[in-house]
Amino acid sequence: MKNLLKTPVVILSLIFLFAACSTPQNATTTNVSRGKFTGSWTLNNVSYQGLVQGAVQNVFDQAAPEAFVGSTWKLTNSGNGIYTLSNGTAQTIFWSVYNGGTTGTQFQFKKIYQGDKPKNVAEGYRLDIASNDGNAMVLKSPVEVGGSTGYIIYSFTKN
């Protein structure tokens, strides 16, 4: 009797072990290398997915999304960077690529002001990386609206 019970327990244990160690079929891993971000970028277009244009008045605690069209973003390999709006307003940033979390790979940055050290700045921004081939990049900023998520979509080209 004991041997009859041991066999199904061993089989179930093996099935559980193999299932726990296998990669889920629907898992997405889109690790994007840091090198694809370095350089000078121009934000060419801002569009909306699941949002009405004008629904978001301010992004990055700076200006309306449309004010970023034509902005240049200079990103160094060390993580230092600066973006400059077409009206001349410039903002120093510290950026990195965040590989993880539930939404996949994200571009993240902190605004750095005179005298700040990036490690001492707790707040920042994360944008989902829709694509980046090193010459064109699309970042999506999630926005919660009425219990659902819409996106502001930023399309860049490398200079």
Protein backbone atom coordinates (compact mmCIF):
# COMPACT_ATOMS: atom_id res chain seq x y z
CA MET A 1 0.00 0.00 0.00
CA LYS A 2 2.81 2.39 0.87
CA ASN A 3 4.49 1.81 -2.50
CA LEU A 4 1.22 2.58 -4.30
CA LEU A 5 1.06 6.00 -2.63
CA LYS A 6 4.75 6.80 -3.14
CA THR A 7 4.62 6.55 -6.94
CA PRO A 8 1.93 9.23 -7.50
CA VAL A 9 3.59 11.51 -4.94
CA VAL A 10 6.95 11.19 -6.70
CA ILE A 11 5.35 11.83 -10.11
CA LEU A 12 3.46 14.88 -8.85
CA SER A 13 6.62 16.20 -7.21
CA LEU A 14 8.54 15.88 -10.48
CA ILE A 15 5.77 17.61 -12.42
CA PHE A 16 5.72 20.45 -9.91
CA LEU A 17 9.50 20.75 -10.02
CA PHE A 18 9.62 20.96 -13.83
CA ALA A 19 6.73 23.43 -13.94
CA ALA A 20 8.36 25.66 -11.34
CA CYS A 21 11.70 25.72 -13.16
CA SER A 22 10.41 26.34 -16.67
CA THR A 23 10.07 29.80 -18.21
CA PRO A 24 6.45 30.96 -18.52
CA GLN A 25 5.33 31.03 -22.16
CA ASN A 26 3.79 34.51 -21.89
CA ALA A 27 6.76 36.15 -20.16
CA THR A 28 8.25 39.05 -22.07
CA THR A 29 11.79 40.17 -21.53
CA THR A 30 12.86 43.13 -23.58
CA ASN A 31 16.16 44.07 -22.04
CA VAL A 32 17.46 47.07 -23.93
CA SER A 33 21.14 47.89 -23.67
CA ARG A 34 22.19 51.23 -22.27
CA GLY A 35 24.29 51.91 -25.37
CA LYS A 36 21.18 52.27 -27.53
CA PHE A 37 20.20 55.37 -25.53
CA THR A 38 23.46 57.29 -25.54
CA GLY A 39 23.75 60.20 -27.92
CA SER A 40 21.61 63.13 -28.96
CA TRP A 41 17.89 62.59 -29.63
CA THR A 42 15.09 64.81 -30.92
CA LEU A 43 11.53 64.27 -29.76
CA ASN A 44 9.59 64.48 -33.05
CA ASN A 45 6.04 63.61 -32.04
CA VAL A 46 3.76 63.25 -29.05
CA SER A 47 0.63 61.14 -29.50
CA TYR A 48 -1.97 59.54 -27.27
CA GLN A 49 -3.27 56.02 -26.78
CA GLY A 50 -6.48 55.71 -24.76
CA LEU A 51 -6.38 59.43 -23.92
CA VAL A 52 -7.92 62.50 -25.45
CA GLN A 53 -5.41 65.09 -26.63
CA GLY A 54 -5.22 67.86 -24.04
CA ALA A 55 -6.34 65.57 -21.20
CA VAL A 56 -2.87 65.84 -19.65
CA GLN A 57 -1.80 69.40 -18.95
CA ASN A 58 1.65 68.82 -17.49
CA VAL A 59 4.33 66.12 -17.83
CA PHE A 60 7.57 65.72 -15.89
CA ASP A 61 6.39 68.60 -13.66
CA GLN A 62 7.50 70.92 -16.46
CA ALA A 63 5.08 71.66 -19.31
CA ALA A 64 2.33 70.31 -21.54
CA PRO A 65 3.30 67.22 -23.57
CA GLU A 66 3.20 69.21 -26.83
CA ALA A 67 5.82 71.61 -25.45
CA PHE A 68 8.33 68.75 -25.63
CA VAL A 69 7.94 68.33 -29.41
CA GLY A 70 11.22 69.51 -30.94
CA SER A 71 13.13 69.09 -27.66
CA THR A 72 16.62 67.62 -27.74
CA TRP A 73 17.79 65.01 -25.25
CA LYS A 74 21.53 64.47 -24.79
CA LEU A 75 22.29 61.26 -22.93
CA THR A 76 25.82 60.21 -22.00
CA ASN A 77 26.91 56.67 -21.18
CA SER A 78 27.67 57.77 -17.59
CA GLY A 79 23.96 58.46 -16.97
CA ASN A 80 24.24 62.22 -17.10
CA GLY A 81 21.99 64.03 -19.51
CA ILE A 82 20.11 67.16 -20.37
CA TYR A 83 16.97 67.90 -22.28
CA THR A 84 16.25 71.27 -23.85
CA LEU A 85 12.78 72.35 -24.90
CA SER A 86 12.33 74.29 -28.12
CA ASN A 87 11.71 77.46 -26.05
CA GLY A 88 15.24 77.15 -24.62
CA THR A 89 14.32 75.77 -21.19
CA ALA A 90 16.96 73.20 -20.20
CA GLN A 91 16.84 70.52 -17.51
CA THR A 92 19.76 68.42 -16.27
CA ILE A 93 18.85 64.78 -15.65
CA PHE A 94 20.36 61.51 -14.50
CA TRP A 95 19.02 58.56 -16.49
CA SER A 96 19.18 54.78 -16.54
CA VAL A 97 17.46 51.74 -18.00
CA TYR A 98 15.33 49.75 -15.56
CA ASN A 99 15.16 46.07 -16.58
CA GLY A 100 12.51 44.53 -14.39
CA GLY A 101 9.21 45.10 -12.78
CA THR A 102 5.82 44.06 -14.05
CA THR A 103 5.73 46.38 -17.07
CA GLY A 104 9.04 45.28 -18.57
CA THR A 105 11.99 47.48 -19.46
CA GLN A 106 11.69 51.17 -18.68
CA PHE A 107 13.66 54.36 -19.29
CA GLN A 108 13.93 56.27 -16.02
CA PHE A 109 15.31 59.65 -15.14
CA LYS A 110 15.61 62.08 -12.25
CA LYS A 111 15.72 65.85 -12.56
CA ILE A 112 18.97 67.19 -11.12
CA TYR A 113 19.27 70.75 -9.87
CA GLN A 114 22.37 72.78 -8.96
CA GLY A 115 24.18 71.05 -6.10
CA ASP A 116 22.08 67.86 -6.22
CA LYS A 117 23.66 64.43 -6.35
CA PRO A 118 21.58 61.81 -8.21
CA LYS A 119 21.80 59.36 -5.30
CA ASN A 120 20.12 61.95 -3.05
CA VAL A 121 17.17 62.57 -5.41
CA ALA A 122 14.35 60.18 -4.52
CA GLU A 123 11.74 61.15 -7.12
CA GLY A 124 11.86 60.58 -10.81
CA TYR A 125 9.99 59.38 -13.87
CA ARG A 126 9.67 56.00 -15.60
CA LEU A 127 8.53 55.50 -19.16
CA ASP A 128 7.85 52.14 -20.80
CA ILE A 129 10.19 51.40 -23.70
CA ALA A 130 8.00 50.49 -26.67
CA SER A 131 11.01 50.29 -29.01
CA ASN A 132 14.60 51.43 -29.43
CA ASP A 133 16.79 50.28 -32.32
CA GLY A 134 19.53 52.83 -31.63
CA ASN A 135 18.23 55.26 -34.30
CA ALA A 136 14.55 55.60 -33.41
CA MET A 137 12.96 55.29 -30.00
CA VAL A 138 9.39 55.22 -28.71
CA LEU A 139 8.67 55.73 -25.01
CA LYS A 140 5.23 55.42 -23.43
CA SER A 141 4.20 57.21 -20.26
CA PRO A 142 1.29 55.50 -18.47
CA VAL A 143 -1.52 57.74 -17.23
CA GLU A 144 -4.37 56.50 -15.03
CA VAL A 145 -7.75 57.77 -16.22
CA GLY A 146 -11.09 56.59 -14.89
CA GLY A 147 -9.88 53.20 -13.71
CA SER A 148 -7.98 52.40 -16.90
CA THR A 149 -4.52 53.21 -18.23
CA GLY A 150 -3.86 55.41 -21.24
CA TYR A 151 -0.47 56.41 -22.61
CA ILE A 152 1.34 59.49 -23.80
CA ILE A 153 3.61 58.26 -26.58
CA TYR A 154 6.92 60.03 -27.25
CA SER A 155 8.64 59.32 -30.59
CA PHE A 156 12.35 60.19 -30.90
CA THR A 157 14.95 60.04 -33.64
CA LYS A 158 18.69 60.05 -33.08
CA ASN A 159 20.62 63.05 -34.39
